[in-house]
PDB file of N, CA and C in Angstrom:
ATOM      1  N   MET A   1       0.811  -1.187   0.004  1.00  0.00           N
ATOM      2  CA  MET A   1       0.008   0.000   0.005  1.00  0.00           C
ATOM      3  C   MET A   1       0.854   1.279   0.013  1.00  0.00           C
ATOM      4  N   ARG A   2       2.025   1.182   0.654  1.00  0.00           N
ATOM      5  CA  ARG A   2       2.887   2.351   0.744  1.00  0.00           C
ATOM      6  C   ARG A   2       3.363   2.808  -0.639  1.00  0.00           C
ATOM      7  N   GLU A   3       3.643   1.929  -1.541  1.00  0.00           N
ATOM      8  CA  GLU A   3       4.108   2.324  -2.874  1.00  0.00           C
ATOM      9  C   GLU A   3       3.000   2.939  -3.739  1.00  0.00           C
ATOM     10  N   LEU A   4       1.744   2.758  -3.328  1.00  0.00           N
ATOM     11  CA  LEU A   4       0.640   3.331  -4.061  1.00  0.00           C
ATOM     12  C   LEU A   4       0.314   4.762  -3.613  1.00  0.00           C
ATOM     13  N   PHE A   5       0.768   5.130  -2.426  1.00  0.00           N
ATOM     14  CA  PHE A   5       0.496   6.467  -1.901  1.00  0.00           C
ATOM     15  C   PHE A   5       1.405   7.510  -2.545  1.00  0.00           C
ATOM     16  N   PRO A   6       0.904   8.589  -3.082  1.00  0.00           N
ATOM     17  CA  PRO A   6       1.712   9.573  -3.813  1.00  0.00           C
ATOM     18  C   PRO A   6       2.448  10.519  -2.844  1.00  0.00           C
ATOM     19  N   MET A   7       3.420   9.975  -2.097  1.00  0.00           N
ATOM     20  CA  MET A   7       4.121  10.809  -1.081  1.00  0.00           C
ATOM     21  C   MET A   7       4.850  11.961  -1.705  1.00  0.00           C
ATOM     22  N   LYS A   8       5.426  11.760  -2.913  1.00  0.00           N
ATOM     23  CA  LYS A   8       6.162  12.842  -3.573  1.00  0.00           C
ATOM     24  C   LYS A   8       5.220  14.008  -3.890  1.00  0.00           C
ATOM     25  N   GLN A   9       4.017  13.721  -4.326  1.00  0.00           N
ATOM     26  CA  GLN A   9       3.064  14.787  -4.643  1.00  0.00           C
ATOM     27  C   GLN A   9       2.573  15.490  -3.367  1.00  0.00           C
ATOM     28  N   VAL A  10       2.393  14.733  -2.302  1.00  0.00           N
ATOM     29  CA  VAL A  10       1.931  15.329  -1.030  1.00  0.00           C
ATOM     30  C   VAL A  10       3.041  16.272  -0.510  1.00  0.00           C
ATOM     31  N   ASN A  11       4.293  15.816  -0.546  1.00  0.00           N
ATOM     32  CA  ASN A  11       5.404  16.646  -0.112  1.00  0.00           C
ATOM     33  C   ASN A  11       5.498  17.896  -0.993  1.00  0.00           C
ATOM     34  N   GLY A  12       5.341  17.747  -2.304  1.00  0.00           N
ATOM     35  CA  GLY A  12       5.350  18.910  -3.205  1.00  0.00           C
ATOM     36  C   GLY A  12       4.253  19.892  -2.913  1.00  0.00           C
ATOM     37  N   TYR A  13       3.075  19.374  -2.602  1.00  0.00           N
ATOM     38  CA  TYR A  13       1.943  20.234  -2.264  1.00  0.00           C
ATOM     39  C   TYR A  13       2.221  21.002  -0.987  1.00  0.00           C
ATOM     40  N   ILE A  14       2.729  20.328   0.031  1.00  0.00           N
ATOM     41  CA  ILE A  14       3.031  21.022   1.318  1.00  0.00           C
ATOM     42  C   ILE A  14       4.138  22.042   1.110  1.00  0.00           C
ATOM     43  N   PHE A  15       5.145  21.732   0.292  1.00  0.00           N
ATOM     44  CA  PHE A  15       6.198  22.688   0.025  1.00  0.00           C
ATOM     45  C   PHE A  15       5.660  23.886  -0.753  1.00  0.00           C
ATOM     46  N   SER A  16       4.739  23.663  -1.686  1.00  0.00           N
ATOM     47  CA  SER A  16       4.130  24.737  -2.425  1.00  0.00           C
ATOM     48  C   SER A  16       3.300  25.648  -1.480  1.00  0.00           C
ATOM     49  N   LEU A  17       2.589  25.029  -0.547  1.00  0.00           N
ATOM     50  CA  LEU A  17       1.861  25.832   0.433  1.00  0.00           C
ATOM     51  C   LEU A  17       2.801  26.669   1.307  1.00  0.00           C
ATOM     52  N   LEU A  18       3.903  26.082   1.715  1.00  0.00           N
ATOM     53  CA  LEU A  18       4.898  26.775   2.500  1.00  0.00           C
ATOM     54  C   LEU A  18       5.454  27.990   1.752  1.00  0.00           C
ATOM     55  N   LEU A  19       5.781  27.772   0.486  1.00  0.00           N
ATOM     56  CA  LEU A  19       6.294  28.865  -0.362  1.00  0.00           C
ATOM     57  C   LEU A  19       5.228  29.956  -0.545  1.00  0.00           C
ATOM     58  N   THR A  20       3.970  29.592  -0.642  1.00  0.00           N
ATOM     59  CA  THR A  20       2.909  30.572  -0.773  1.00  0.00           C
ATOM     60  C   THR A  20       2.759  31.375   0.523  1.00  0.00           C
ATOM     61  N   VAL A  21       2.891  30.753   1.645  1.00  0.00           N
ATOM     62  CA  VAL A  21       2.818  31.448   2.944  1.00  0.00           C
ATOM     63  C   VAL A  21       4.024  32.431   3.065  1.00  0.00           C
ATOM     64  N   ILE A  22       5.177  32.003   2.627  1.00  0.00           N
ATOM     65  CA  ILE A  22       6.351  32.902   2.673  1.00  0.00           C
ATOM     66  C   ILE A  22       6.133  34.119   1.751  1.00  0.00           C
ATOM     67  N   ALA A  23       5.592  33.864   0.585  1.00  0.00           N
ATOM     68  CA  ALA A  23       5.316  34.973  -0.349  1.00  0.00           C
ATOM     69  C   ALA A  23       4.215  35.868   0.208  1.00  0.00           C
ATOM     70  N   LEU A  24       3.244  35.297   0.849  1.00  0.00           N
ATOM     71  CA  LEU A  24       2.140  36.063   1.418  1.00  0.00           C
ATOM     72  C   LEU A  24       2.594  36.897   2.607  1.00  0.00           C
ATOM     73  N   SER A  25       3.650  36.466   3.280  1.00  0.00           N
ATOM     74  CA  SER A  25       4.164  37.196   4.416  1.00  0.00           C
ATOM     75  C   SER A  25       4.725  38.571   4.025  1.00  0.00           C
ATOM     76  N   VAL A  26       5.099  38.714   2.752  1.00  0.00           N
ATOM     77  CA  VAL A  26       5.552  40.025   2.255  1.00  0.00           C
ATOM     78  C   VAL A  26       4.441  41.054   2.409  1.00  0.00           C
ATOM     79  N   TYR A  27       3.237  40.660   2.195  1.00  0.00           N
ATOM     80  CA  TYR A  27       2.109  41.567   2.305  1.00  0.00           C
ATOM     81  C   TYR A  27       1.841  41.941   3.785  1.00  0.00           C
ATOM     82  N   PHE A  28       1.945  40.987   4.682  1.00  0.00           N
ATOM     83  CA  PHE A  28       1.553  41.232   6.059  1.00  0.00           C
ATOM     84  C   PHE A  28       2.630  41.867   6.932  1.00  0.00           C
ATOM     85  N   PHE A  29       3.903  41.664   6.601  1.00  0.00           N
ATOM     86  CA  PHE A  29       4.984  42.249   7.387  1.00  0.00           C
ATOM     87  C   PHE A  29       5.458  43.520   6.704  1.00  0.00           C
ATOM     88  N   ASP A  30       5.912  44.432   7.475  1.00  0.00           N
ATOM     89  CA  ASP A  30       6.398  45.715   6.949  1.00  0.00           C
ATOM     90  C   ASP A  30       7.839  45.557   6.464  1.00  0.00           C
ATOM     91  N   MET A  31       8.014  45.270   5.186  1.00  0.00           N
ATOM     92  CA  MET A  31       9.321  45.096   4.587  1.00  0.00           C
ATOM     93  C   MET A  31       9.602  46.201   3.612  1.00  0.00           C
ATOM     94  N   SER A  32      10.886  46.373   3.340  1.00  0.00           N
ATOM     95  CA  SER A  32      11.249  47.336   2.322  1.00  0.00           C
ATOM     96  C   SER A  32      10.853  46.790   0.960  1.00  0.00           C
ATOM     97  N   TYR A  33      10.774  47.674  -0.014  1.00  0.00           N
ATOM     98  CA  TYR A  33      10.389  47.249  -1.372  1.00  0.00           C
ATOM     99  C   TYR A  33      11.348  46.238  -1.943  1.00  0.00           C
ATOM    100  N   ALA A  34      12.651  46.506  -1.790  1.00  0.00           N
ATOM    101  CA  ALA A  34      13.676  45.612  -2.355  1.00  0.00           C
ATOM    102  C   ALA A  34      13.619  44.232  -1.698  1.00  0.00           C
ATOM    103  N   MET A  35      13.440  44.200  -0.387  1.00  0.00           N
ATOM    104  CA  MET A  35      13.388  42.903   0.327  1.00  0.00           C
ATOM    105  C   MET A  35      12.142  42.124  -0.067  1.00  0.00           C
ATOM    106  N   GLY A  36      11.005  42.808  -0.144  1.00  0.00           N
ATOM    107  CA  GLY A  36       9.786  42.122  -0.544  1.00  0.00           C
ATOM    108  C   GLY A  36       9.840  41.577  -1.973  1.00  0.00           C
ATOM    109  N   LEU A  37      10.377  42.368  -2.894  1.00  0.00           N
ATOM    110  CA  LEU A  37      10.489  41.931  -4.273  1.00  0.00           C
ATOM    111  C   LEU A  37      11.446  40.770  -4.411  1.00  0.00           C
ATOM    112  N   THR A  38      12.547  40.807  -3.633  1.00  0.00           N
ATOM    113  CA  THR A  38      13.501  39.704  -3.657  1.00  0.00           C
ATOM    114  C   THR A  38      12.866  38.401  -3.188  1.00  0.00           C
ATOM    115  N   ILE A  39      12.130  38.475  -2.095  1.00  0.00           N
ATOM    116  CA  ILE A  39      11.457  37.287  -1.564  1.00  0.00           C
ATOM    117  C   ILE A  39      10.435  36.761  -2.556  1.00  0.00           C
ATOM    118  N   LEU A  40       9.677  37.656  -3.182  1.00  0.00           N
ATOM    119  CA  LEU A  40       8.659  37.213  -4.152  1.00  0.00           C
ATOM    120  C   LEU A  40       9.295  36.556  -5.371  1.00  0.00           C
ATOM    121  N   VAL A  41      10.331  37.099  -5.870  1.00  0.00           N
ATOM    122  CA  VAL A  41      10.995  36.526  -7.086  1.00  0.00           C
ATOM    123  C   VAL A  41      11.623  35.170  -6.762  1.00  0.00           C
ATOM    124  N   VAL A  42      12.316  35.080  -5.630  1.00  0.00           N
ATOM    125  CA  VAL A  42      12.957  33.834  -5.258  1.00  0.00           C
ATOM    126  C   VAL A  42      11.925  32.730  -5.027  1.00  0.00           C
ATOM    127  N   THR A  43      10.857  33.055  -4.262  1.00  0.00           N
ATOM    128  CA  THR A  43       9.820  32.046  -4.012  1.00  0.00           C
ATOM    129  C   THR A  43       9.076  31.659  -5.296  1.00  0.00           C
ATOM    130  N   ALA A  44       8.917  32.596  -6.228  1.00  0.00           N
ATOM    131  CA  ALA A  44       8.249  32.297  -7.519  1.00  0.00           C
ATOM    132  C   ALA A  44       9.064  31.308  -8.321  1.00  0.00           C
ATOM    133  N   PHE A  45      10.340  31.510  -8.397  1.00  0.00           N
ATOM    134  CA  PHE A  45      11.195  30.609  -9.173  1.00  0.00           C
ATOM    135  C   PHE A  45      11.283  29.225  -8.523  1.00  0.00           C
ATOM    136  N   ILE A  46      11.386  29.177  -7.221  1.00  0.00           N
ATOM    137  CA  ILE A  46      11.399  27.897  -6.539  1.00  0.00           C
ATOM    138  C   ILE A  46      10.069  27.163  -6.747  1.00  0.00           C
ATOM    139  N   GLN A  47       8.957  27.898  -6.643  1.00  0.00           N
ATOM    140  CA  GLN A  47       7.651  27.286  -6.826  1.00  0.00           C
ATOM    141  C   GLN A  47       7.489  26.772  -8.251  1.00  0.00           C
ATOM    142  N   ALA A  48       7.987  27.517  -9.258  1.00  0.00           N
ATOM    143  CA  ALA A  48       7.917  27.059 -10.614  1.00  0.00           C
ATOM    144  C   ALA A  48       8.716  25.761 -10.810  1.00  0.00           C
ATOM    145  N   GLY A  49       9.880  25.680 -10.149  1.00  0.00           N
ATOM    146  CA  GLY A  49      10.679  24.454 -10.219  1.00  0.00           C
ATOM    147  C   GLY A  49       9.989  23.286  -9.572  1.00  0.00           C
ATOM    148  N   VAL A  50       9.339  23.522  -8.420  1.00  0.00           N
ATOM    149  CA  VAL A  50       8.608  22.444  -7.751  1.00  0.00           C
ATOM    150  C   VAL A  50       7.462  21.945  -8.622  1.00  0.00           C
ATOM    151  N   GLN A  51       6.752  22.916  -9.219  1.00  0.00           N
ATOM    152  CA  GLN A  51       5.611  22.532 -10.102  1.00  0.00           C
ATOM    153  C   GLN A  51       6.110  21.715 -11.295  1.00  0.00           C
ATOM    154  N   LEU A  52       7.207  22.124 -11.880  1.00  0.00           N
ATOM    155  CA  LEU A  52       7.747  21.452 -13.057  1.00  0.00           C
ATOM    156  C   LEU A  52       8.194  20.017 -12.708  1.00  0.00           C
ATOM    157  N   VAL A  53       8.932  19.902 -11.636  1.00  0.00           N
ATOM    158  CA  VAL A  53       9.505  18.577 -11.314  1.00  0.00           C
ATOM    159  C   VAL A  53       8.471  17.637 -10.678  1.00  0.00           C
ATOM    160  N   VAL A  54       7.725  18.149  -9.692  1.00  0.00           N
ATOM    161  CA  VAL A  54       6.821  17.242  -8.974  1.00  0.00           C
ATOM    162  C   VAL A  54       5.495  16.969  -9.678  1.00  0.00           C
ATOM    163  N   PHE A  55       4.829  18.049 -10.148  1.00  0.00           N
ATOM    164  CA  PHE A  55       3.514  17.851 -10.669  1.00  0.00           C
ATOM    165  C   PHE A  55       3.445  17.659 -12.193  1.00  0.00           C
ATOM    166  N   MET A  56       4.437  18.171 -12.902  1.00  0.00           N
ATOM    167  CA  MET A  56       4.443  17.971 -14.345  1.00  0.00           C
ATOM    168  C   MET A  56       5.372  16.819 -14.766  1.00  0.00           C
ATOM    169  N   HIS A  57       6.008  16.161 -13.789  1.00  0.00           N
ATOM    170  CA  HIS A  57       6.796  14.942 -13.975  1.00  0.00           C
ATOM    171  C   HIS A  57       7.905  15.163 -15.029  1.00  0.00           C
ATOM    172  N   ALA A  58       8.619  16.273 -14.913  1.00  0.00           N
ATOM    173  CA  ALA A  58       9.657  16.625 -15.894  1.00  0.00           C
ATOM    174  C   ALA A  58      10.852  15.638 -15.842  1.00  0.00           C
ATOM    175  N   GLY A  59      11.183  15.143 -14.699  1.00  0.00           N
ATOM    176  CA  GLY A  59      12.359  14.279 -14.551  1.00  0.00           C
ATOM    177  C   GLY A  59      12.075  12.777 -14.657  1.00  0.00           C
ATOM    178  N   GLU A  60      10.893  12.415 -15.062  1.00  0.00           N
ATOM    179  CA  GLU A  60      10.523  10.995 -15.049  1.00  0.00           C
ATOM    180  C   GLU A  60      10.532  10.345 -16.448  1.00  0.00           C
ATOM    181  N   SER A  61      10.963  11.058 -17.456  1.00  0.00           N
ATOM    182  CA  SER A  61      10.939  10.454 -18.794  1.00  0.00           C
ATOM    183  C   SER A  61      12.393  10.253 -19.274  1.00  0.00           C
ATOM    184  N   LYS A  62      12.543   9.570 -20.411  1.00  0.00           N
ATOM    185  CA  LYS A  62      13.843   9.324 -20.946  1.00  0.00           C
ATOM    186  C   LYS A  62      14.553  10.570 -21.471  1.00  0.00           C
ATOM    187  N   ASP A  63      13.774  11.548 -21.890  1.00  0.00           N
ATOM    188  CA  ASP A  63      14.344  12.767 -22.450  1.00  0.00           C
ATOM    189  C   ASP A  63      14.325  13.897 -21.430  1.00  0.00           C
ATOM    190  N   LYS A  64      14.595  13.614 -20.170  1.00  0.00           N
ATOM    191  CA  LYS A  64      14.545  14.640 -19.147  1.00  0.00           C
ATOM    192  C   LYS A  64      15.595  15.719 -19.355  1.00  0.00           C
ATOM    193  N   ASN A  65      16.749  15.376 -19.898  1.00  0.00           N
ATOM    194  CA  ASN A  65      17.767  16.372 -20.164  1.00  0.00           C
ATOM    195  C   ASN A  65      17.292  17.411 -21.178  1.00  0.00           C
ATOM    196  N   ALA A  66      16.616  16.942 -22.222  1.00  0.00           N
ATOM    197  CA  ALA A  66      16.071  17.855 -23.211  1.00  0.00           C
ATOM    198  C   ALA A  66      15.002  18.765 -22.620  1.00  0.00           C
ATOM    199  N   ILE A  67      14.199  18.244 -21.722  1.00  0.00           N
ATOM    200  CA  ILE A  67      13.184  19.051 -21.076  1.00  0.00           C
ATOM    201  C   ILE A  67      13.807  20.158 -20.249  1.00  0.00           C
ATOM    202  N   TYR A  68      14.846  19.795 -19.455  1.00  0.00           N
ATOM    203  CA  TYR A  68      15.498  20.783 -18.628  1.00  0.00           C
ATOM    204  C   TYR A  68      16.242  21.798 -19.474  1.00  0.00           C
ATOM    205  N   VAL A  69      16.907  21.408 -20.520  1.00  0.00           N
ATOM    206  CA  VAL A  69      17.619  22.315 -21.394  1.00  0.00           C
ATOM    207  C   VAL A  69      16.654  23.293 -22.069  1.00  0.00           C
ATOM    208  N   ASN A  70      15.527  22.777 -22.539  1.00  0.00           N
ATOM    209  CA  ASN A  70      14.530  23.668 -23.152  1.00  0.00           C
ATOM    210  C   ASN A  70      13.903  24.629 -22.147  1.00  0.00           C
ATOM    211  N   THR A  71      13.712  24.191 -20.921  1.00  0.00           N
ATOM    212  CA  THR A  71      13.191  25.069 -19.879  1.00  0.00           C
ATOM    213  C   THR A  71      14.206  26.178 -19.563  1.00  0.00           C
ATOM    214  N   ILE A  72      15.443  25.823 -19.395  1.00  0.00           N
ATOM    215  CA  ILE A  72      16.494  26.810 -19.135  1.00  0.00           C
ATOM    216  C   ILE A  72      16.607  27.778 -20.304  1.00  0.00           C
ATOM    217  N   TYR A  73      16.559  27.260 -21.497  1.00  0.00           N
ATOM    218  CA  TYR A  73      16.599  28.123 -22.696  1.00  0.00           C
ATOM    219  C   TYR A  73      15.439  29.104 -22.689  1.00  0.00           C
ATOM    220  N   GLY A  74      14.252  28.668 -22.362  1.00  0.00           N
ATOM    221  CA  GLY A  74      13.072  29.550 -22.306  1.00  0.00           C
ATOM    222  C   GLY A  74      13.234  30.635 -21.241  1.00  0.00           C
ATOM    223  N   VAL A  75      13.791  30.278 -20.106  1.00  0.00           N
ATOM    224  CA  VAL A  75      14.005  31.268 -19.032  1.00  0.00           C
ATOM    225  C   VAL A  75      15.047  32.290 -19.481  1.00  0.00           C
ATOM    226  N   VAL A  76      16.133  31.837 -20.117  1.00  0.00           N
ATOM    227  CA  VAL A  76      17.162  32.760 -20.584  1.00  0.00           C
ATOM    228  C   VAL A  76      16.586  33.709 -21.618  1.00  0.00           C
ATOM    229  N   ILE A  77      15.815  33.208 -22.572  1.00  0.00           N
ATOM    230  CA  ILE A  77      15.206  34.073 -23.586  1.00  0.00           C
ATOM    231  C   ILE A  77      14.252  35.093 -22.966  1.00  0.00           C
ATOM    232  N   ALA A  78      13.465  34.655 -21.959  1.00  0.00           N
ATOM    233  CA  ALA A  78      12.531  35.546 -21.310  1.00  0.00           C
ATOM    234  C   ALA A  78      13.293  36.655 -20.547  1.00  0.00           C
ATOM    235  N   VAL A  79      14.350  36.298 -19.833  1.00  0.00           N
ATOM    236  CA  VAL A  79      15.141  37.288 -19.088  1.00  0.00           C
ATOM    237  C   VAL A  79      15.806  38.262 -20.037  1.00  0.00           C
ATOM    238  N   LEU A  80      16.373  37.787 -21.146  1.00  0.00           N
ATOM    239  CA  LEU A  80      16.982  38.650 -22.139  1.00  0.00           C
ATOM    240  C   LEU A  80      15.961  39.602 -22.772  1.00  0.00           C
ATOM    241  N   THR A  81      14.784  39.083 -23.001  1.00  0.00           N
ATOM    242  CA  THR A  81      13.697  39.955 -23.593  1.00  0.00           C
ATOM    243  C   THR A  81      13.308  41.023 -22.639  1.00  0.00           C
ATOM    244  N   VAL A  82      13.149  40.709 -21.357  1.00  0.00           N
ATOM    245  CA  VAL A  82      12.776  41.702 -20.369  1.00  0.00           C
ATOM    246  C   VAL A  82      13.901  42.704 -20.206  1.00  0.00           C
ATOM    247  N   LEU A  83      15.139  42.258 -20.091  1.00  0.00           N
ATOM    248  CA  LEU A  83      16.248  43.186 -19.922  1.00  0.00           C
ATOM    249  C   LEU A  83      16.448  44.039 -21.180  1.00  0.00           C
ATOM    250  N   GLY A  84      16.262  43.477 -22.342  1.00  0.00           N
ATOM    251  CA  GLY A  84      16.376  44.285 -23.576  1.00  0.00           C
ATOM    252  C   GLY A  84      15.284  45.333 -23.664  1.00  0.00           C
ATOM    253  N   SER A  85      14.087  44.970 -23.238  1.00  0.00           N
ATOM    254  CA  SER A  85      12.998  45.933 -23.225  1.00  0.00           C
ATOM    255  C   SER A  85      13.253  47.067 -22.241  1.00  0.00           C
ATOM    256  N   LEU A  86      13.743  46.731 -21.056  1.00  0.00           N
ATOM    257  CA  LEU A  86      14.121  47.739 -20.082  1.00  0.00           C
ATOM    258  C   LEU A  86      15.230  48.633 -20.602  1.00  0.00           C
ATOM    259  N   LEU A  87      16.210  48.030 -21.247  1.00  0.00           N
ATOM    260  CA  LEU A  87      17.315  48.777 -21.807  1.00  0.00           C
ATOM    261  C   LEU A  87      16.872  49.785 -22.843  1.00  0.00           C
ATOM    262  N   ALA A  88      15.959  49.390 -23.697  1.00  0.00           N
ATOM    263  CA  ALA A  88      15.505  50.272 -24.763  1.00  0.00           C
ATOM    264  C   ALA A  88      14.473  51.286 -24.317  1.00  0.00           C
ATOM    265  N   MET A  89      13.540  50.869 -23.482  1.00  0.00           N
ATOM    266  CA  MET A  89      12.397  51.750 -23.159  1.00  0.00           C
ATOM    267  C   MET A  89      12.637  52.627 -21.894  1.00  0.00           C
ATOM    268  N   ILE A  90      13.308  52.132 -20.931  1.00  0.00           N
ATOM    269  CA  ILE A  90      13.422  52.886 -19.695  1.00  0.00           C
ATOM    270  C   ILE A  90      14.800  53.564 -19.589  1.00  0.00           C
ATOM    271  N   TRP A  91      15.849  52.814 -19.842  1.00  0.00           N
ATOM    272  CA  TRP A  91      17.181  53.329 -19.637  1.00  0.00           C
ATOM    273  C   TRP A  91      17.660  54.150 -20.817  1.00  0.00           C
ATOM    274  N   GLY A  92      16.982  54.143 -21.936  1.00  0.00           N
ATOM    275  CA  GLY A  92      17.268  55.036 -23.057  1.00  0.00           C
ATOM    276  C   GLY A  92      18.372  54.589 -23.979  1.00  0.00           C
ATOM    277  N   TYR A  93      18.807  53.356 -23.930  1.00  0.00           N
ATOM    278  CA  TYR A  93      19.814  52.872 -24.869  1.00  0.00           C
ATOM    279  C   TYR A  93      19.098  52.168 -26.054  1.00  0.00           C
ATOM    280  N   TYR A  94      19.331  52.711 -27.282  1.00  0.00           N
ATOM    281  CA  TYR A  94      18.761  52.025 -28.450  1.00  0.00           C
ATOM    282  C   TYR A  94      19.655  52.091 -29.585  1.00  0.00           C
TER     283      TYR A  94
END
């Protein structure tokens, strides 16, 4: 019976709830803007990783390396797009 119980998913769910409580604490505690934003960004990336690995089963197939490489590539492209947009629109370099 123990091998039928989805312990990995239960642990992932509890960890996701814990990360949500940490992110929600930014609202309730009087933090500086930089500290609150840092906590929100870090917990968001950790939560996305938990969702990808635990609930979307990214590491359970034969092509898990390709899935991780494509995910990292997508994150790099998104960060470069945001930084390029900030560079052109806000900081005035074009």
